[in-house]
Amino acid sequence: MMVLRSRRILRENDVLTNHLEGQVKKRTEEVTQLLNERKAFFSDMAHDLKAPVFATQSFINAIKRIGVGVDTELRGYLDQAEARQQEMARRLQGLSAINALDRIEGERIRMSIQEILEEVYDTYCGEAEVRSVYFFAEIPEQKAFLMAQPEKMDILFENLIYNALRATPCGGSITVSAWIEGGKICMAVEDTGCGIPKEELPNIFQRFYVGKDNRETGTGLGLYIVYGIVGELGGTISVRSAVGKGTKFTMEFPQNVNI
């Protein structure tokens, strides 16, 4: 009786396991299809919006330039329309950036943190020099590797470093560094720039959030994209900042120990 009962339980477990596997596979396929449809929708929307958005700016510029029949009240309305148009253009630019990120579908490869930092330094040291900003790379001697897509790592550091360059005045400095702590890879971008107000820090990784000092130029997507890439790699990101003293973004990643 015990043997028969055990066999019956094993058969039922097999049936349940196969059913669950089938459900998981079906759900995975549905989610994949949904994500692909979302990518296609946003790509088409960004493409279709470009023409009317930039045409509107051209019309506003033409009306202002000609100036016929434009009184003070109408000029105020035109200024408001232009501000809204510029905000729409920035968001459209952000959508294009997200679409470009979604198109990166290559496999992750094993990347050395030493090589990552060396490439980051070579890429941005010239631009920092032009802006009269000191640029440093603190490259660790200890070897460590993470699994990542090179294109996404490029986008991650591009957003962090350009933010730092915009925030850092002449004579300031930007430092990229890496180290191993608690079995994890830690990487940081630190600047001596204007800093981020304390009340804005909880919101900086939110999509389309723009701080009060960047509302004329920011898209509100740079740090959102950084946060997403770090999360995809199973990592975390934190920020420490003080107004007038600078900002430091610190990322922690699991390392690939199969050297």
C-alpha atoms as a PDB file:
ATOM      1  CA  MET A   1       0.000   0.000   0.000  1.00  0.00           C
ATOM      2  CA  MET A   2       2.792   2.399   0.882  1.00  0.00           C
ATOM      3  CA  VAL A   3       4.590   1.656  -2.402  1.00  0.00           C
ATOM      4  CA  LEU A   4       1.422   2.196  -4.449  1.00  0.00           C
ATOM      5  CA  ARG A   5       0.700   5.425  -2.601  1.00  0.00           C
ATOM      6  CA  SER A   6       4.238   6.690  -3.198  1.00  0.00           C
ATOM      7  CA  ARG A   7       3.999   5.874  -6.905  1.00  0.00           C
ATOM      8  CA  ARG A   8       0.678   7.698  -7.179  1.00  0.00           C
ATOM      9  CA  ILE A   9       2.114  10.748  -5.430  1.00  0.00           C
ATOM     10  CA  LEU A  10       5.146  10.734  -7.759  1.00  0.00           C
ATOM     11  CA  ARG A  11       2.898  10.544 -10.827  1.00  0.00           C
ATOM     12  CA  GLU A  12       0.770  13.408  -9.522  1.00  0.00           C
ATOM     13  CA  ASN A  13       3.900  15.449  -8.825  1.00  0.00           C
ATOM     14  CA  ASP A  14       5.144  14.815 -12.376  1.00  0.00           C
ATOM     15  CA  VAL A  15       1.810  15.920 -13.831  1.00  0.00           C
ATOM     16  CA  LEU A  16       1.795  19.055 -11.648  1.00  0.00           C
ATOM     17  CA  THR A  17       5.417  19.862 -12.505  1.00  0.00           C
ATOM     18  CA  ASN A  18       4.787  19.509 -16.251  1.00  0.00           C
ATOM     19  CA  HIS A  19       1.671  21.663 -15.930  1.00  0.00           C
ATOM     20  CA  LEU A  20       3.579  24.397 -14.069  1.00  0.00           C
ATOM     21  CA  GLU A  21       6.436  24.304 -16.574  1.00  0.00           C
ATOM     22  CA  GLY A  22       3.933  24.669 -19.410  1.00  0.00           C
ATOM     23  CA  GLN A  23       2.250  27.609 -17.664  1.00  0.00           C
ATOM     24  CA  VAL A  24       5.583  29.338 -17.014  1.00  0.00           C
ATOM     25  CA  LYS A  25       6.661  28.852 -20.648  1.00  0.00           C
ATOM     26  CA  LYS A  26       3.346  30.193 -21.922  1.00  0.00           C
ATOM     27  CA  ARG A  27       3.486  33.194 -19.603  1.00  0.00           C
ATOM     28  CA  THR A  28       7.098  33.925 -20.586  1.00  0.00           C
ATOM     29  CA  GLU A  29       6.154  33.908 -24.268  1.00  0.00           C
ATOM     30  CA  GLU A  30       3.224  36.250 -23.582  1.00  0.00           C
ATOM     31  CA  VAL A  31       5.433  38.684 -21.623  1.00  0.00           C
ATOM     32  CA  THR A  32       8.114  38.601 -24.344  1.00  0.00           C
ATOM     33  CA  GLN A  33       5.523  39.357 -27.006  1.00  0.00           C
ATOM     34  CA  LEU A  34       4.101  42.187 -24.902  1.00  0.00           C
ATOM     35  CA  LEU A  35       7.552  43.733 -24.414  1.00  0.00           C
ATOM     36  CA  ASN A  36       8.301  43.509 -28.141  1.00  0.00           C
ATOM     37  CA  GLU A  37       4.984  45.185 -28.933  1.00  0.00           C
ATOM     38  CA  ARG A  38       5.765  47.923 -26.420  1.00  0.00           C
ATOM     39  CA  LYS A  39       9.170  48.536 -28.022  1.00  0.00           C
ATOM     40  CA  ALA A  40       7.600  48.747 -31.475  1.00  0.00           C
ATOM     41  CA  PHE A  41       4.863  51.113 -30.231  1.00  0.00           C
ATOM     42  CA  PHE A  42       7.268  53.572 -28.614  1.00  0.00           C
ATOM     43  CA  SER A  43       9.594  53.436 -31.600  1.00  0.00           C
ATOM     44  CA  ASP A  44       6.762  54.262 -34.009  1.00  0.00           C
ATOM     45  CA  MET A  45       5.400  56.964 -31.707  1.00  0.00           C
ATOM     46  CA  ALA A  46       8.790  58.677 -31.364  1.00  0.00           C
ATOM     47  CA  HIS A  47       9.234  58.594 -35.133  1.00  0.00           C
ATOM     48  CA  ASP A  48       5.742  59.976 -35.878  1.00  0.00           C
ATOM     49  CA  LEU A  49       6.025  62.800 -33.316  1.00  0.00           C
ATOM     50  CA  LYS A  50       9.335  64.206 -34.551  1.00  0.00           C
ATOM     51  CA  ALA A  51       7.927  66.049 -37.567  1.00  0.00           C
ATOM     52  CA  PRO A  52       5.044  67.939 -35.839  1.00  0.00           C
ATOM     53  CA  VAL A  53       7.087  68.742 -32.735  1.00  0.00           C
ATOM     54  CA  PHE A  54       9.962  70.328 -34.623  1.00  0.00           C
ATOM     55  CA  ALA A  55       7.620  71.949 -37.164  1.00  0.00           C
ATOM     56  CA  THR A  56       5.875  73.710 -34.265  1.00  0.00           C
ATOM     57  CA  GLN A  57       9.189  75.182 -33.144  1.00  0.00           C
ATOM     58  CA  SER A  58       9.829  76.463 -36.667  1.00  0.00           C
ATOM     59  CA  PHE A  59       6.417  78.160 -36.781  1.00  0.00           C
ATOM     60  CA  ILE A  60       6.957  79.800 -33.375  1.00  0.00           C
ATOM     61  CA  ASN A  61      10.386  81.081 -34.443  1.00  0.00           C
ATOM     62  CA  ALA A  62       8.949  82.451 -37.697  1.00  0.00           C
ATOM     63  CA  ILE A  63       6.156  84.345 -35.891  1.00  0.00           C
ATOM     64  CA  LYS A  64       8.623  85.838 -33.417  1.00  0.00           C
ATOM     65  CA  ARG A  65      11.089  86.780 -36.142  1.00  0.00           C
ATOM     66  CA  ILE A  66       8.526  88.542 -38.339  1.00  0.00           C
ATOM     67  CA  GLY A  67       6.860  90.187 -35.353  1.00  0.00           C
ATOM     68  CA  VAL A  68       3.884  91.590 -37.305  1.00  0.00           C
ATOM     69  CA  GLY A  69       0.842  91.920 -35.042  1.00  0.00           C
ATOM     70  CA  VAL A  70       2.705  90.445 -32.073  1.00  0.00           C
ATOM     71  CA  ASP A  71       1.970  92.498 -28.984  1.00  0.00           C
ATOM     72  CA  THR A  72       3.195  91.914 -25.437  1.00  0.00           C
ATOM     73  CA  GLU A  73       0.310  89.601 -24.537  1.00  0.00           C
ATOM     74  CA  LEU A  74       0.713  87.452 -27.639  1.00  0.00           C
ATOM     75  CA  ARG A  75       4.484  87.268 -27.132  1.00  0.00           C
ATOM     76  CA  GLY A  76       3.835  85.927 -23.640  1.00  0.00           C
ATOM     77  CA  TYR A  77       1.620  83.189 -25.084  1.00  0.00           C
ATOM     78  CA  LEU A  78       4.282  82.386 -27.674  1.00  0.00           C
ATOM     79  CA  ASP A  79       6.905  82.093 -24.934  1.00  0.00           C
ATOM     80  CA  GLN A  80       4.674  79.639 -23.038  1.00  0.00           C
ATOM     81  CA  ALA A  81       4.044  77.616 -26.200  1.00  0.00           C
ATOM     82  CA  GLU A  82       7.770  77.526 -26.928  1.00  0.00           C
ATOM     83  CA  ALA A  83       8.568  76.341 -23.403  1.00  0.00           C
ATOM     84  CA  ARG A  84       6.022  73.521 -23.746  1.00  0.00           C
ATOM     85  CA  GLN A  85       7.376  72.623 -27.182  1.00  0.00           C
ATOM     86  CA  GLN A  86      10.926  72.440 -25.863  1.00  0.00           C
ATOM     87  CA  GLU A  87       9.775  70.206 -23.017  1.00  0.00           C
ATOM     88  CA  MET A  88       8.056  67.924 -25.546  1.00  0.00           C
ATOM     89  CA  ALA A  89      11.226  67.856 -27.677  1.00  0.00           C
ATOM     90  CA  ARG A  90      13.323  66.849 -24.649  1.00  0.00           C
ATOM     91  CA  ARG A  91      10.917  64.046 -23.785  1.00  0.00           C
ATOM     92  CA  LEU A  92      10.909  62.895 -27.378  1.00  0.00           C
ATOM     93  CA  GLN A  93      14.693  62.815 -27.251  1.00  0.00           C
ATOM     94  CA  GLY A  94      14.407  60.702 -24.109  1.00  0.00           C
ATOM     95  CA  LEU A  95      12.027  58.270 -25.817  1.00  0.00           C
ATOM     96  CA  SER A  96      14.529  57.892 -28.642  1.00  0.00           C
ATOM     97  CA  ALA A  97      17.233  57.106 -26.077  1.00  0.00           C
ATOM     98  CA  ILE A  98      15.075  54.407 -24.453  1.00  0.00           C
ATOM     99  CA  ASN A  99      14.265  52.905 -27.846  1.00  0.00           C
ATOM    100  CA  ALA A 100      17.959  52.787 -28.714  1.00  0.00           C
ATOM    101  CA  LEU A 101      18.634  51.062 -25.386  1.00  0.00           C
ATOM    102  CA  ASP A 102      15.898  48.474 -26.009  1.00  0.00           C
ATOM    103  CA  ARG A 103      17.448  47.565 -29.355  1.00  0.00           C
ATOM    104  CA  ILE A 104      20.631  46.358 -27.638  1.00  0.00           C
ATOM    105  CA  GLU A 105      19.995  42.620 -27.489  1.00  0.00           C
ATOM    106  CA  GLY A 106      23.485  41.129 -27.647  1.00  0.00           C
ATOM    107  CA  GLU A 107      24.628  38.560 -25.119  1.00  0.00           C
ATOM    108  CA  ARG A 108      26.447  39.612 -21.983  1.00  0.00           C
ATOM    109  CA  ILE A 109      30.164  39.042 -22.028  1.00  0.00           C
ATOM    110  CA  ARG A 110      32.772  38.799 -19.289  1.00  0.00           C
ATOM    111  CA  MET A 111      34.229  42.282 -18.761  1.00  0.00           C
ATOM    112  CA  SER A 112      37.268  43.269 -16.701  1.00  0.00           C
ATOM    113  CA  ILE A 113      36.709  46.264 -14.422  1.00  0.00           C
ATOM    114  CA  GLN A 114      40.262  47.419 -15.167  1.00  0.00           C
ATOM    115  CA  GLU A 115      39.507  47.536 -18.893  1.00  0.00           C
ATOM    116  CA  ILE A 116      36.149  49.253 -18.274  1.00  0.00           C
ATOM    117  CA  LEU A 117      37.780  52.070 -16.304  1.00  0.00           C
ATOM    118  CA  GLU A 118      40.664  52.422 -18.768  1.00  0.00           C
ATOM    119  CA  GLU A 119      38.201  52.801 -21.644  1.00  0.00           C
ATOM    120  CA  VAL A 120      36.102  55.306 -19.683  1.00  0.00           C
ATOM    121  CA  TYR A 121      39.216  57.378 -18.970  1.00  0.00           C
ATOM    122  CA  ASP A 122      40.386  57.306 -22.595  1.00  0.00           C
ATOM    123  CA  THR A 123      36.908  58.295 -23.806  1.00  0.00           C
ATOM    124  CA  TYR A 124      36.295  61.292 -21.535  1.00  0.00           C
ATOM    125  CA  CYS A 125      39.674  62.679 -20.453  1.00  0.00           C
ATOM    126  CA  GLY A 126      39.924  64.844 -23.589  1.00  0.00           C
ATOM    127  CA  GLU A 127      36.510  66.413 -23.139  1.00  0.00           C
ATOM    128  CA  ALA A 128      37.200  67.035 -19.446  1.00  0.00           C
ATOM    129  CA  GLU A 129      40.454  68.768 -20.386  1.00  0.00           C
ATOM    130  CA  VAL A 130      38.648  71.027 -22.863  1.00  0.00           C
ATOM    131  CA  ARG A 131      36.261  72.015 -20.059  1.00  0.00           C
ATOM    132  CA  SER A 132      39.225  72.634 -17.688  1.00  0.00           C
ATOM    133  CA  VAL A 133      38.072  69.815 -15.398  1.00  0.00           C
ATOM    134  CA  TYR A 134      40.550  67.335 -13.911  1.00  0.00           C
ATOM    135  CA  PHE A 135      39.651  63.736 -14.745  1.00  0.00           C
ATOM    136  CA  PHE A 136      41.037  60.797 -12.755  1.00  0.00           C
ATOM    137  CA  ALA A 137      40.646  57.018 -12.938  1.00  0.00           C
ATOM    138  CA  GLU A 138      41.515  54.964  -9.865  1.00  0.00           C
ATOM    139  CA  ILE A 139      42.090  51.512 -11.361  1.00  0.00           C
ATOM    140  CA  PRO A 140      42.410  48.641  -8.855  1.00  0.00           C
ATOM    141  CA  GLU A 141      45.233  46.106  -9.054  1.00  0.00           C
ATOM    142  CA  GLN A 142      42.949  43.241  -8.046  1.00  0.00           C
ATOM    143  CA  LYS A 143      41.339  41.572 -11.051  1.00  0.00           C
ATOM    144  CA  ALA A 144      37.566  41.300 -11.115  1.00  0.00           C
ATOM    145  CA  PHE A 145      34.987  40.601 -13.800  1.00  0.00           C
ATOM    146  CA  LEU A 146      31.299  41.170 -14.359  1.00  0.00           C
ATOM    147  CA  MET A 147      28.909  39.892 -17.008  1.00  0.00           C
ATOM    148  CA  ALA A 148      27.505  42.798 -19.026  1.00  0.00           C
ATOM    149  CA  GLN A 149      26.751  44.158 -22.479  1.00  0.00           C
ATOM    150  CA  PRO A 150      29.520  46.604 -23.490  1.00  0.00           C
ATOM    151  CA  GLU A 151      27.068  48.954 -25.240  1.00  0.00           C
ATOM    152  CA  LYS A 152      24.955  49.311 -22.097  1.00  0.00           C
ATOM    153  CA  MET A 153      28.016  49.905 -19.922  1.00  0.00           C
ATOM    154  CA  ASP A 154      28.998  52.680 -22.348  1.00  0.00           C
ATOM    155  CA  ILE A 155      25.545  54.265 -21.979  1.00  0.00           C
ATOM    156  CA  LEU A 156      25.693  53.933 -18.186  1.00  0.00           C
ATOM    157  CA  PHE A 157      28.992  55.805 -17.849  1.00  0.00           C
ATOM    158  CA  GLU A 158      28.097  58.282 -20.594  1.00  0.00           C
ATOM    159  CA  ASN A 159      25.072  59.464 -18.602  1.00  0.00           C
ATOM    160  CA  LEU A 160      26.905  59.629 -15.273  1.00  0.00           C
ATOM    161  CA  ILE A 161      29.966  61.413 -16.611  1.00  0.00           C
ATOM    162  CA  TYR A 162      28.128  63.957 -18.775  1.00  0.00           C
ATOM    163  CA  ASN A 163      25.985  64.802 -15.744  1.00  0.00           C
ATOM    164  CA  ALA A 164      29.189  65.275 -13.756  1.00  0.00           C
ATOM    165  CA  LEU A 165      30.752  67.428 -16.499  1.00  0.00           C
ATOM    166  CA  ARG A 166      27.698  69.695 -16.597  1.00  0.00           C
ATOM    167  CA  ALA A 167      27.752  70.058 -12.809  1.00  0.00           C
ATOM    168  CA  THR A 168      31.505  70.609 -12.343  1.00  0.00           C
ATOM    169  CA  PRO A 169      33.019  74.093 -12.792  1.00  0.00           C
ATOM    170  CA  CYS A 170      36.436  74.903 -14.240  1.00  0.00           C
ATOM    171  CA  GLY A 171      39.170  73.676 -11.921  1.00  0.00           C
ATOM    172  CA  GLY A 172      36.951  70.974 -10.425  1.00  0.00           C
ATOM    173  CA  SER A 173      37.518  67.246 -10.717  1.00  0.00           C
ATOM    174  CA  ILE A 174      35.779  64.011 -11.664  1.00  0.00           C
ATOM    175  CA  THR A 175      37.002  60.618 -10.452  1.00  0.00           C
ATOM    176  CA  VAL A 176      35.954  57.168 -11.635  1.00  0.00           C
ATOM    177  CA  SER A 177      36.996  54.299  -9.405  1.00  0.00           C
ATOM    178  CA  ALA A 178      36.438  50.618  -8.690  1.00  0.00           C
ATOM    179  CA  TRP A 179      37.164  48.245  -5.816  1.00  0.00           C
ATOM    180  CA  ILE A 180      36.110  44.897  -4.341  1.00  0.00           C
ATOM    181  CA  GLU A 181      34.144  44.858  -1.106  1.00  0.00           C
ATOM    182  CA  GLY A 182      32.219  42.024   0.505  1.00  0.00           C
ATOM    183  CA  GLY A 183      32.611  39.865  -2.578  1.00  0.00           C
ATOM    184  CA  LYS A 184      31.008  42.513  -4.786  1.00  0.00           C
ATOM    185  CA  ILE A 185      32.353  44.838  -7.452  1.00  0.00           C
ATOM    186  CA  CYS A 186      31.941  48.476  -6.483  1.00  0.00           C
ATOM    187  CA  MET A 187      32.257  51.257  -9.054  1.00  0.00           C
ATOM    188  CA  ALA A 188      31.831  54.989  -8.495  1.00  0.00           C
ATOM    189  CA  VAL A 189      31.687  58.318 -10.311  1.00  0.00           C
ATOM    190  CA  GLU A 190      32.436  61.280  -8.069  1.00  0.00           C
ATOM    191  CA  ASP A 191      32.604  64.994  -8.881  1.00  0.00           C
ATOM    192  CA  THR A 192      33.303  68.243  -7.051  1.00  0.00           C
ATOM    193  CA  GLY A 193      30.431  70.052  -8.732  1.00  0.00           C
ATOM    194  CA  CYS A 194      27.357  71.962  -7.604  1.00  0.00           C
ATOM    195  CA  GLY A 195      25.738  69.000  -5.855  1.00  0.00           C
ATOM    196  CA  ILE A 196      22.092  67.970  -5.672  1.00  0.00           C
ATOM    197  CA  PRO A 197      19.671  69.542  -3.167  1.00  0.00           C
ATOM    198  CA  LYS A 198      18.706  67.172  -0.372  1.00  0.00           C
ATOM    199  CA  GLU A 199      14.995  67.351  -1.169  1.00  0.00           C
ATOM    200  CA  GLU A 200      15.615  66.203  -4.768  1.00  0.00           C
ATOM    201  CA  LEU A 201      17.723  63.128  -3.963  1.00  0.00           C
ATOM    202  CA  PRO A 202      14.795  60.700  -3.381  1.00  0.00           C
ATOM    203  CA  ASN A 203      13.430  61.465  -6.875  1.00  0.00           C
ATOM    204  CA  ILE A 204      16.480  61.575  -9.155  1.00  0.00           C
ATOM    205  CA  PHE A 205      16.081  58.011 -10.508  1.00  0.00           C
ATOM    206  CA  GLN A 206      12.416  58.508 -11.413  1.00  0.00           C
ATOM    207  CA  ARG A 207      11.478  58.638 -15.082  1.00  0.00           C
ATOM    208  CA  PHE A 208      11.150  62.206 -16.458  1.00  0.00           C
ATOM    209  CA  TYR A 209      12.151  63.782 -13.136  1.00  0.00           C
ATOM    210  CA  VAL A 210      14.144  66.969 -13.708  1.00  0.00           C
ATOM    211  CA  GLY A 211      15.668  69.028 -10.896  1.00  0.00           C
ATOM    212  CA  LYS A 212      14.874  72.733 -10.669  1.00  0.00           C
ATOM    213  CA  ASP A 213      18.313  73.732 -11.992  1.00  0.00           C
ATOM    214  CA  ASN A 214      18.041  71.498 -15.093  1.00  0.00           C
ATOM    215  CA  ARG A 215      14.506  72.179 -16.296  1.00  0.00           C
ATOM    216  CA  GLU A 216      15.705  74.037 -19.372  1.00  0.00           C
ATOM    217  CA  THR A 217      18.003  71.270 -20.629  1.00  0.00           C
ATOM    218  CA  GLY A 218      17.346  67.973 -18.832  1.00  0.00           C
ATOM    219  CA  THR A 219      15.224  65.125 -20.208  1.00  0.00           C
ATOM    220  CA  GLY A 220      14.717  63.407 -16.858  1.00  0.00           C
ATOM    221  CA  LEU A 221      15.814  60.079 -18.331  1.00  0.00           C
ATOM    222  CA  GLY A 222      19.593  59.870 -17.907  1.00  0.00           C
ATOM    223  CA  LEU A 223      19.617  58.620 -14.324  1.00  0.00           C
ATOM    224  CA  TYR A 224      16.464  56.593 -14.938  1.00  0.00           C
ATOM    225  CA  ILE A 225      18.340  54.718 -17.686  1.00  0.00           C
ATOM    226  CA  VAL A 226      21.385  54.292 -15.423  1.00  0.00           C
ATOM    227  CA  TYR A 227      19.165  52.857 -12.684  1.00  0.00           C
ATOM    228  CA  GLY A 228      17.605  50.415 -15.150  1.00  0.00           C
ATOM    229  CA  ILE A 229      20.945  49.175 -16.489  1.00  0.00           C
ATOM    230  CA  VAL A 230      22.343  48.649 -12.991  1.00  0.00           C
ATOM    231  CA  GLY A 231      19.201  46.722 -12.044  1.00  0.00           C
ATOM    232  CA  GLU A 232      19.468  44.511 -15.149  1.00  0.00           C
ATOM    233  CA  LEU A 233      22.950  43.482 -13.997  1.00  0.00           C
ATOM    234  CA  GLY A 234      21.636  42.514 -10.567  1.00  0.00           C
ATOM    235  CA  GLY A 235      23.276  45.530  -8.976  1.00  0.00           C
ATOM    236  CA  THR A 236      22.298  48.519  -6.862  1.00  0.00           C
ATOM    237  CA  ILE A 237      23.116  52.218  -7.087  1.00  0.00           C
ATOM    238  CA  SER A 238      23.229  54.859  -4.372  1.00  0.00           C
ATOM    239  CA  VAL A 239      24.048  58.553  -4.304  1.00  0.00           C
ATOM    240  CA  ARG A 240      25.668  60.883  -1.789  1.00  0.00           C
ATOM    241  CA  SER A 241      25.590  64.604  -2.489  1.00  0.00           C
ATOM    242  CA  ALA A 242      25.913  68.004  -0.849  1.00  0.00           C
ATOM    243  CA  VAL A 243      25.139  71.356  -2.443  1.00  0.00           C
ATOM    244  CA  GLY A 244      28.347  73.177  -3.337  1.00  0.00           C
ATOM    245  CA  LYS A 245      30.546  70.176  -2.531  1.00  0.00           C
ATOM    246  CA  GLY A 246      29.793  67.550  -5.158  1.00  0.00           C
ATOM    247  CA  THR A 247      28.102  64.235  -5.849  1.00  0.00           C
ATOM    248  CA  LYS A 248      29.133  60.580  -5.724  1.00  0.00           C
ATOM    249  CA  PHE A 249      27.244  57.740  -7.394  1.00  0.00           C
ATOM    250  CA  THR A 250      28.239  54.285  -6.136  1.00  0.00           C
ATOM    251  CA  MET A 251      27.231  51.040  -7.854  1.00  0.00           C
ATOM    252  CA  GLU A 252      27.549  47.487  -6.549  1.00  0.00           C
ATOM    253  CA  PHE A 253      27.524  44.459  -8.865  1.00  0.00           C
ATOM    254  CA  PRO A 254      27.885  40.701  -8.386  1.00  0.00           C
ATOM    255  CA  GLN A 255      31.207  39.577  -9.826  1.00  0.00           C
ATOM    256  CA  ASN A 256      31.916  36.672 -12.122  1.00  0.00           C
ATOM    257  CA  VAL A 257      34.267  34.528 -10.023  1.00  0.00           C
ATOM    258  CA  ASN A 258      35.023  31.993 -12.782  1.00  0.00           C
ATOM    259  CA  ILE A 259      38.402  33.482 -13.710  1.00  0.00           C
END
